[in-house]
């Protein structure tokens, strides 16, 4: 394809995408037809099928293009908080489209879109706040995946209006959650290293287990944390059974529990073990 032809093809795709975005603010995705998309931008149906297989194929391309543009803009920003705020800015400007996507068969396309953007940022945050932790194999990847999934769930809940927080508040809570948990992990690692000083075998055990072999110290000040979950009653019983949770209060689609910040991953693991979905985690400061 020549340069001019490629340019014209991209222009046509953007016209179709713009038409689809307008329609997504008016009706659910499953009710939008190729005929409506092409008529709205003055193109023929054959033109649509020259570029895309179906409406969902256009949705995928649309988010891929927006993700690239967002990545280019984020590279000009040095503060990770501002990068996440850029993502919220995009969602705010396209909220009707995002809600429409989440309520359709293309739901995973949108989740992949903001999860990929979050993962790039989260990895840098983990490496920054956890820089004193040993780089055991797979640990950074685990933490990056854990926080990406948790924060993606929060973003999804925010899009659907399930949490009433500003983007700035969410970013502040994200920072507090990561800092509290990773600072606690660093303290336990340092404490364990001092205890096992001079014992080669003990040092190796710490390197293999970044959180330390001894039970975690949960004496830190506790905070209220809200969990949005798939099975409220079962989730509450599981958390009660862990033995360390304070007062548990029911909220819409979840519960609020009094715990130390470092205990959040333990609750998530316990719920995941029982196949209970966790859609959002928000520390309430």
Protein backbone atom coordinates (compact mmCIF):
# COMPACT_ATOMS: atom_id res chain seq x y z
CA UNK A 1 0.00 0.00 0.00
CA UNK A 2 1.37 3.39 -1.00
CA UNK A 3 1.85 6.18 1.53
CA UNK A 4 -1.11 8.14 0.13
CA UNK A 5 -3.34 5.06 0.14
CA UNK A 6 -2.38 4.27 3.73
CA UNK A 7 -3.16 7.83 4.76
CA UNK A 8 -6.56 7.73 3.05
CA UNK A 9 -7.31 4.35 4.65
CA UNK A 10 -6.55 5.77 8.10
CA UNK A 11 -8.76 8.79 7.46
CA UNK A 12 -11.63 6.49 6.43
CA UNK A 13 -11.18 4.34 9.55
CA UNK A 14 -11.26 7.43 11.76
CA UNK A 15 -14.47 8.59 10.08
CA UNK A 16 -16.08 5.22 10.81
CA UNK A 17 -14.80 5.31 14.40
CA UNK A 18 -16.17 8.82 14.96
CA UNK A 19 -19.53 7.70 13.63
CA UNK A 20 -19.54 4.67 15.93
CA UNK A 21 -18.66 6.80 18.97
CA UNK A 22 -21.67 9.03 18.34
CA UNK A 23 -23.99 6.04 18.00
CA UNK A 24 -22.61 4.47 21.19
CA UNK A 25 -23.84 7.51 23.10
CA UNK A 26 -27.35 6.85 21.77
CA UNK A 27 -27.87 3.09 21.99
CA UNK A 28 -26.26 -0.19 23.18
CA UNK A 29 -23.54 -1.64 20.98
CA UNK A 30 -25.50 -4.75 20.01
CA UNK A 31 -28.19 -2.52 18.49
CA UNK A 32 -25.78 -0.61 16.23
CA UNK A 33 -25.62 -1.76 12.62
CA UNK A 34 -22.98 -1.29 9.93
CA UNK A 35 -25.61 0.53 7.87
CA UNK A 36 -26.15 3.11 10.63
CA UNK A 37 -22.40 3.66 11.02
CA UNK A 38 -21.79 4.24 7.32
CA UNK A 39 -24.88 6.41 6.79
CA UNK A 40 -23.87 8.67 9.68
CA UNK A 41 -20.50 9.45 8.05
CA UNK A 42 -21.61 9.32 4.39
CA UNK A 43 -19.74 6.14 3.39
CA UNK A 44 -20.87 2.91 1.72
CA UNK A 45 -21.31 -0.42 3.53
CA UNK A 46 -18.75 -1.96 1.17
CA UNK A 47 -16.22 0.60 2.39
CA UNK A 48 -16.76 -0.54 5.98
CA UNK A 49 -16.18 -4.22 5.12
CA UNK A 50 -13.05 -3.33 3.17
CA UNK A 51 -11.50 -2.15 6.45
CA UNK A 52 -13.28 -4.15 9.18
CA UNK A 53 -14.88 -7.57 9.64
CA UNK A 54 -17.71 -6.33 11.87
CA UNK A 55 -18.63 -3.69 14.44
CA UNK A 56 -16.56 -5.34 17.19
CA UNK A 57 -13.52 -5.29 14.92
CA UNK A 58 -13.99 -1.52 14.57
CA UNK A 59 -14.28 -1.21 18.37
CA UNK A 60 -10.96 -3.04 18.79
CA UNK A 61 -9.23 -0.79 16.26
CA UNK A 62 -10.71 2.31 17.85
CA UNK A 63 -9.32 1.50 21.30
CA UNK A 64 -5.96 0.45 19.85
CA UNK A 65 -5.65 3.84 18.17
CA UNK A 66 -6.70 5.69 21.31
CA UNK A 67 -4.27 3.61 23.39
CA UNK A 68 -1.40 4.59 21.07
CA UNK A 69 -2.31 8.28 21.30
CA UNK A 70 -2.58 8.03 25.09
CA UNK A 71 0.83 6.32 25.27
CA UNK A 72 2.43 9.06 23.20
CA UNK A 73 1.01 11.73 25.51
CA UNK A 74 2.00 9.85 28.67
CA UNK A 75 5.62 9.69 27.53
CA UNK A 76 5.70 13.47 27.88
CA UNK A 77 4.62 13.19 31.55
CA UNK A 78 7.15 12.21 34.21
CA UNK A 79 4.86 11.89 37.27
CA UNK A 80 3.04 8.51 37.40
CA UNK A 81 0.06 10.11 39.13
CA UNK A 82 -0.43 12.44 36.16
CA UNK A 83 -0.23 9.49 33.76
CA UNK A 84 -3.14 7.79 35.52
CA UNK A 85 -5.05 11.08 35.60
CA UNK A 86 -4.57 11.23 31.82
CA UNK A 87 -6.31 7.85 31.59
CA UNK A 88 -9.19 9.15 33.73
CA UNK A 89 -9.30 12.24 31.50
CA UNK A 90 -9.72 10.05 28.41
CA UNK A 91 -12.46 8.03 30.10
CA UNK A 92 -14.27 11.19 31.24
CA UNK A 93 -14.21 12.57 27.69
CA UNK A 94 -15.54 9.25 26.32
CA UNK A 95 -17.62 8.05 29.28
CA UNK A 96 -20.76 7.15 27.33
CA UNK A 97 -18.70 5.14 24.86
CA UNK A 98 -16.85 3.36 27.69
CA UNK A 99 -20.07 2.48 29.55
CA UNK A 100 -21.56 1.21 26.28
CA UNK A 101 -18.49 -0.97 25.72
CA UNK A 102 -18.51 -2.41 29.24
CA UNK A 103 -22.15 -3.41 28.75
CA UNK A 104 -21.42 -5.25 25.49
CA UNK A 105 -19.59 -8.28 24.09
CA UNK A 106 -16.58 -5.97 23.56
CA UNK A 107 -16.18 -5.53 27.33
CA UNK A 108 -12.76 -7.24 27.36
CA UNK A 109 -11.52 -4.87 24.66
CA UNK A 110 -11.96 -1.88 26.95
CA UNK A 111 -10.57 -3.72 29.98
CA UNK A 112 -7.48 -4.65 27.97
CA UNK A 113 -7.18 -1.01 26.90
CA UNK A 114 -6.94 0.53 30.35
CA UNK A 115 -5.22 -2.50 31.92
CA UNK A 116 -2.34 -2.18 29.46
CA UNK A 117 -2.01 1.53 30.25
CA UNK A 118 -2.14 0.86 34.00
CA UNK A 119 0.41 -1.97 33.81
CA UNK A 120 3.09 0.31 32.34
CA UNK A 121 2.61 2.77 35.18
CA UNK A 122 2.21 0.20 37.97
CA UNK A 123 5.48 -1.53 37.10
CA UNK A 124 7.38 1.75 37.55
CA UNK A 125 5.57 2.41 40.85
CA UNK A 126 6.41 -1.06 42.20
CA UNK A 127 10.08 -0.68 41.24
CA UNK A 128 10.16 2.74 42.92
CA UNK A 129 8.48 1.97 46.25
CA UNK A 130 9.81 -1.59 46.42
CA UNK A 131 13.35 -0.77 45.33
CA UNK A 132 14.81 -2.16 48.60
CA UNK A 133 13.11 -5.52 48.23
CA UNK A 134 15.14 -8.46 46.84
CA UNK A 135 14.54 -9.06 43.13
CA UNK A 136 13.45 -12.68 43.48
CA UNK A 137 12.27 -14.33 40.29
CA UNK A 138 8.70 -13.44 39.42
CA UNK A 139 8.06 -11.22 42.46
CA UNK A 140 8.02 -7.89 40.61
CA UNK A 141 5.82 -9.49 37.95
CA UNK A 142 3.46 -10.78 40.62
CA UNK A 143 3.17 -7.38 42.33
CA UNK A 144 2.69 -5.62 38.99
CA UNK A 145 -0.06 -8.04 37.99
CA UNK A 146 -1.73 -7.85 41.41
CA UNK A 147 -1.92 -4.06 41.51
CA UNK A 148 -2.87 -3.81 37.83
CA UNK A 149 -5.84 -6.16 38.32
CA UNK A 150 -6.91 -4.37 41.51
CA UNK A 151 -6.64 -0.88 40.03
CA UNK A 152 -8.29 -1.94 36.76
CA UNK A 153 -11.24 -3.15 38.84
CA UNK A 154 -11.42 0.25 40.53
CA UNK A 155 -11.35 2.06 37.17
CA UNK A 156 -14.14 -0.19 35.89
CA UNK A 157 -16.22 0.49 39.01
CA UNK A 158 -15.64 4.23 38.55
CA UNK A 159 -16.77 4.10 34.91
CA UNK A 160 -19.98 2.32 35.93
CA UNK A 161 -20.62 4.84 38.73
CA UNK A 162 -20.23 2.27 41.51
CA UNK A 163 -17.78 4.40 43.51
CA UNK A 164 -18.30 8.10 44.15
CA UNK A 165 -14.71 9.38 44.16
CA UNK A 166 -12.86 11.92 42.05
CA UNK A 167 -9.93 10.70 39.91
CA UNK A 168 -7.59 12.69 42.17
CA UNK A 169 -8.92 10.89 45.26
CA UNK A 170 -8.56 7.49 43.59
CA UNK A 171 -4.96 8.21 42.58
CA UNK A 172 -4.19 9.34 46.16
CA UNK A 173 -5.68 6.11 47.55
CA UNK A 174 -3.72 4.07 44.99
CA UNK A 175 -0.50 5.73 46.12
CA UNK A 176 -1.26 5.18 49.82
CA UNK A 177 -2.15 1.51 49.24
CA UNK A 178 1.05 0.75 47.32
CA UNK A 179 3.31 2.73 49.64
CA UNK A 180 1.84 1.22 52.81
CA UNK A 181 2.04 -2.34 51.55
CA UNK A 182 5.49 -2.13 49.99
CA UNK A 183 6.95 -0.14 52.89
CA UNK A 184 5.63 -2.84 55.23
CA UNK A 185 7.20 -5.54 53.04
CA UNK A 186 10.53 -3.71 53.08
CA UNK A 187 10.40 -3.39 56.89
CA UNK A 188 9.70 -7.11 57.29
CA UNK A 189 12.50 -7.95 54.89
CA UNK A 190 14.97 -5.72 56.74
CA UNK A 191 13.88 -7.15 60.10
CA UNK A 192 14.27 -10.69 58.83
CA UNK A 193 17.67 -9.93 57.34
CA UNK A 194 18.90 -8.58 60.70
CA UNK A 195 17.56 -11.63 62.54
CA UNK A 196 19.24 -14.04 60.14
CA UNK A 197 22.46 -12.03 59.83
CA UNK A 198 25.42 -14.31 59.39
CA UNK A 199 23.26 -17.34 58.57
CA UNK A 200 23.70 -18.19 54.92
CA UNK A 201 20.68 -20.47 54.84
CA UNK A 202 18.48 -17.80 56.44
CA UNK A 203 19.60 -15.20 53.89
CA UNK A 204 18.66 -17.55 51.09
CA UNK A 205 15.23 -18.14 52.61
CA UNK A 206 14.61 -14.38 52.68
CA UNK A 207 15.76 -14.00 49.09
CA UNK A 208 13.33 -16.74 48.05
CA UNK A 209 10.51 -15.24 50.13
CA UNK A 210 10.53 -11.40 49.92
CA UNK A 211 7.79 -11.06 52.56
CA UNK A 212 9.81 -13.03 55.11
CA UNK A 213 9.27 -16.56 56.40
CA UNK A 214 7.81 -15.44 59.73
CA UNK A 215 4.14 -14.44 60.01
CA UNK A 216 3.55 -10.82 59.02
CA UNK A 217 3.31 -8.26 61.79
CA UNK A 218 -0.15 -6.68 61.58
CA UNK A 219 0.24 -4.32 64.52
CA UNK A 220 0.21 -1.28 62.23
CA UNK A 221 -2.67 1.18 62.52
CA UNK A 222 -5.78 -0.17 60.81
CA UNK A 223 -7.84 1.58 58.16
CA UNK A 224 -11.27 1.00 56.64
CA UNK A 225 -11.08 -0.63 53.20
CA UNK A 226 -14.07 -1.16 50.91
CA UNK A 227 -14.22 -4.25 48.69
CA UNK A 228 -16.56 -4.54 45.70
CA UNK A 229 -17.11 -8.27 45.14
CA UNK A 230 -19.17 -10.74 43.14
CA UNK A 231 -20.65 -12.70 46.09
CA UNK A 232 -21.15 -10.40 49.07
CA UNK A 233 -22.30 -12.89 51.72
CA UNK A 234 -19.73 -15.58 50.92
CA UNK A 235 -16.95 -13.00 50.78
CA UNK A 236 -17.90 -11.65 54.22
CA UNK A 237 -17.79 -15.12 55.76
CA UNK A 238 -14.39 -15.82 54.23
CA UNK A 239 -12.94 -12.55 55.54
CA UNK A 240 -14.37 -13.23 59.01
CA UNK A 241 -12.73 -16.64 58.94
CA UNK A 242 -9.29 -15.15 58.36
CA UNK A 243 -9.27 -14.06 62.01
CA UNK A 244 -7.61 -10.67 61.71
CA UNK A 245 -10.45 -8.54 60.32
CA UNK A 246 -12.10 -5.90 62.46
CA UNK A 247 -15.67 -4.70 62.05
CA UNK A 248 -17.27 -5.65 58.71
CA UNK A 249 -20.07 -3.47 57.32
CA UNK A 250 -22.16 -4.27 54.24
CA UNK A 251 -22.33 -1.76 51.38
CA UNK A 252 -23.82 -1.99 47.89
CA UNK A 253 -22.14 -4.92 46.08
CA UNK A 254 -19.55 -5.43 48.81
CA UNK A 255 -18.39 -4.60 52.31
CA UNK A 256 -16.12 -2.35 54.35
CA UNK A 257 -13.65 -3.95 56.74
CA UNK A 258 -11.20 -2.59 59.31
CA UNK A 259 -7.73 -4.01 58.56
CA UNK A 260 -4.06 -3.07 58.19
CA UNK A 261 -3.13 -2.05 54.65
CA UNK A 262 -0.70 -4.97 54.42
CA UNK A 263 -3.60 -7.42 54.86
CA UNK A 264 -5.33 -6.42 51.61
CA UNK A 265 -3.39 -8.94 49.44
CA UNK A 266 -4.19 -11.73 51.92
CA UNK A 267 -7.93 -11.04 51.62
CA UNK A 268 -7.69 -10.92 47.81
CA UNK A 269 -5.87 -14.27 47.75
CA UNK A 270 -8.46 -15.85 50.06
CA UNK A 271 -11.37 -14.64 47.90
CA UNK A 272 -9.63 -15.66 44.67
CA UNK A 273 -9.06 -19.15 46.09
CA UNK A 274 -12.84 -19.49 46.43
CA UNK A 275 -13.43 -18.03 42.94
CA UNK A 276 -15.05 -14.85 44.28
CA UNK A 277 -14.43 -11.94 41.96
CA UNK A 278 -12.99 -8.72 43.42
CA UNK A 279 -14.01 -5.75 41.28
CA UNK A 280 -12.69 -2.90 43.38
CA UNK A 281 -10.58 -2.11 46.47
CA UNK A 282 -10.64 1.40 47.95
CA UNK A 283 -8.89 2.38 51.22
CA UNK A 284 -11.02 4.96 53.02
CA UNK A 285 -8.68 7.52 54.57
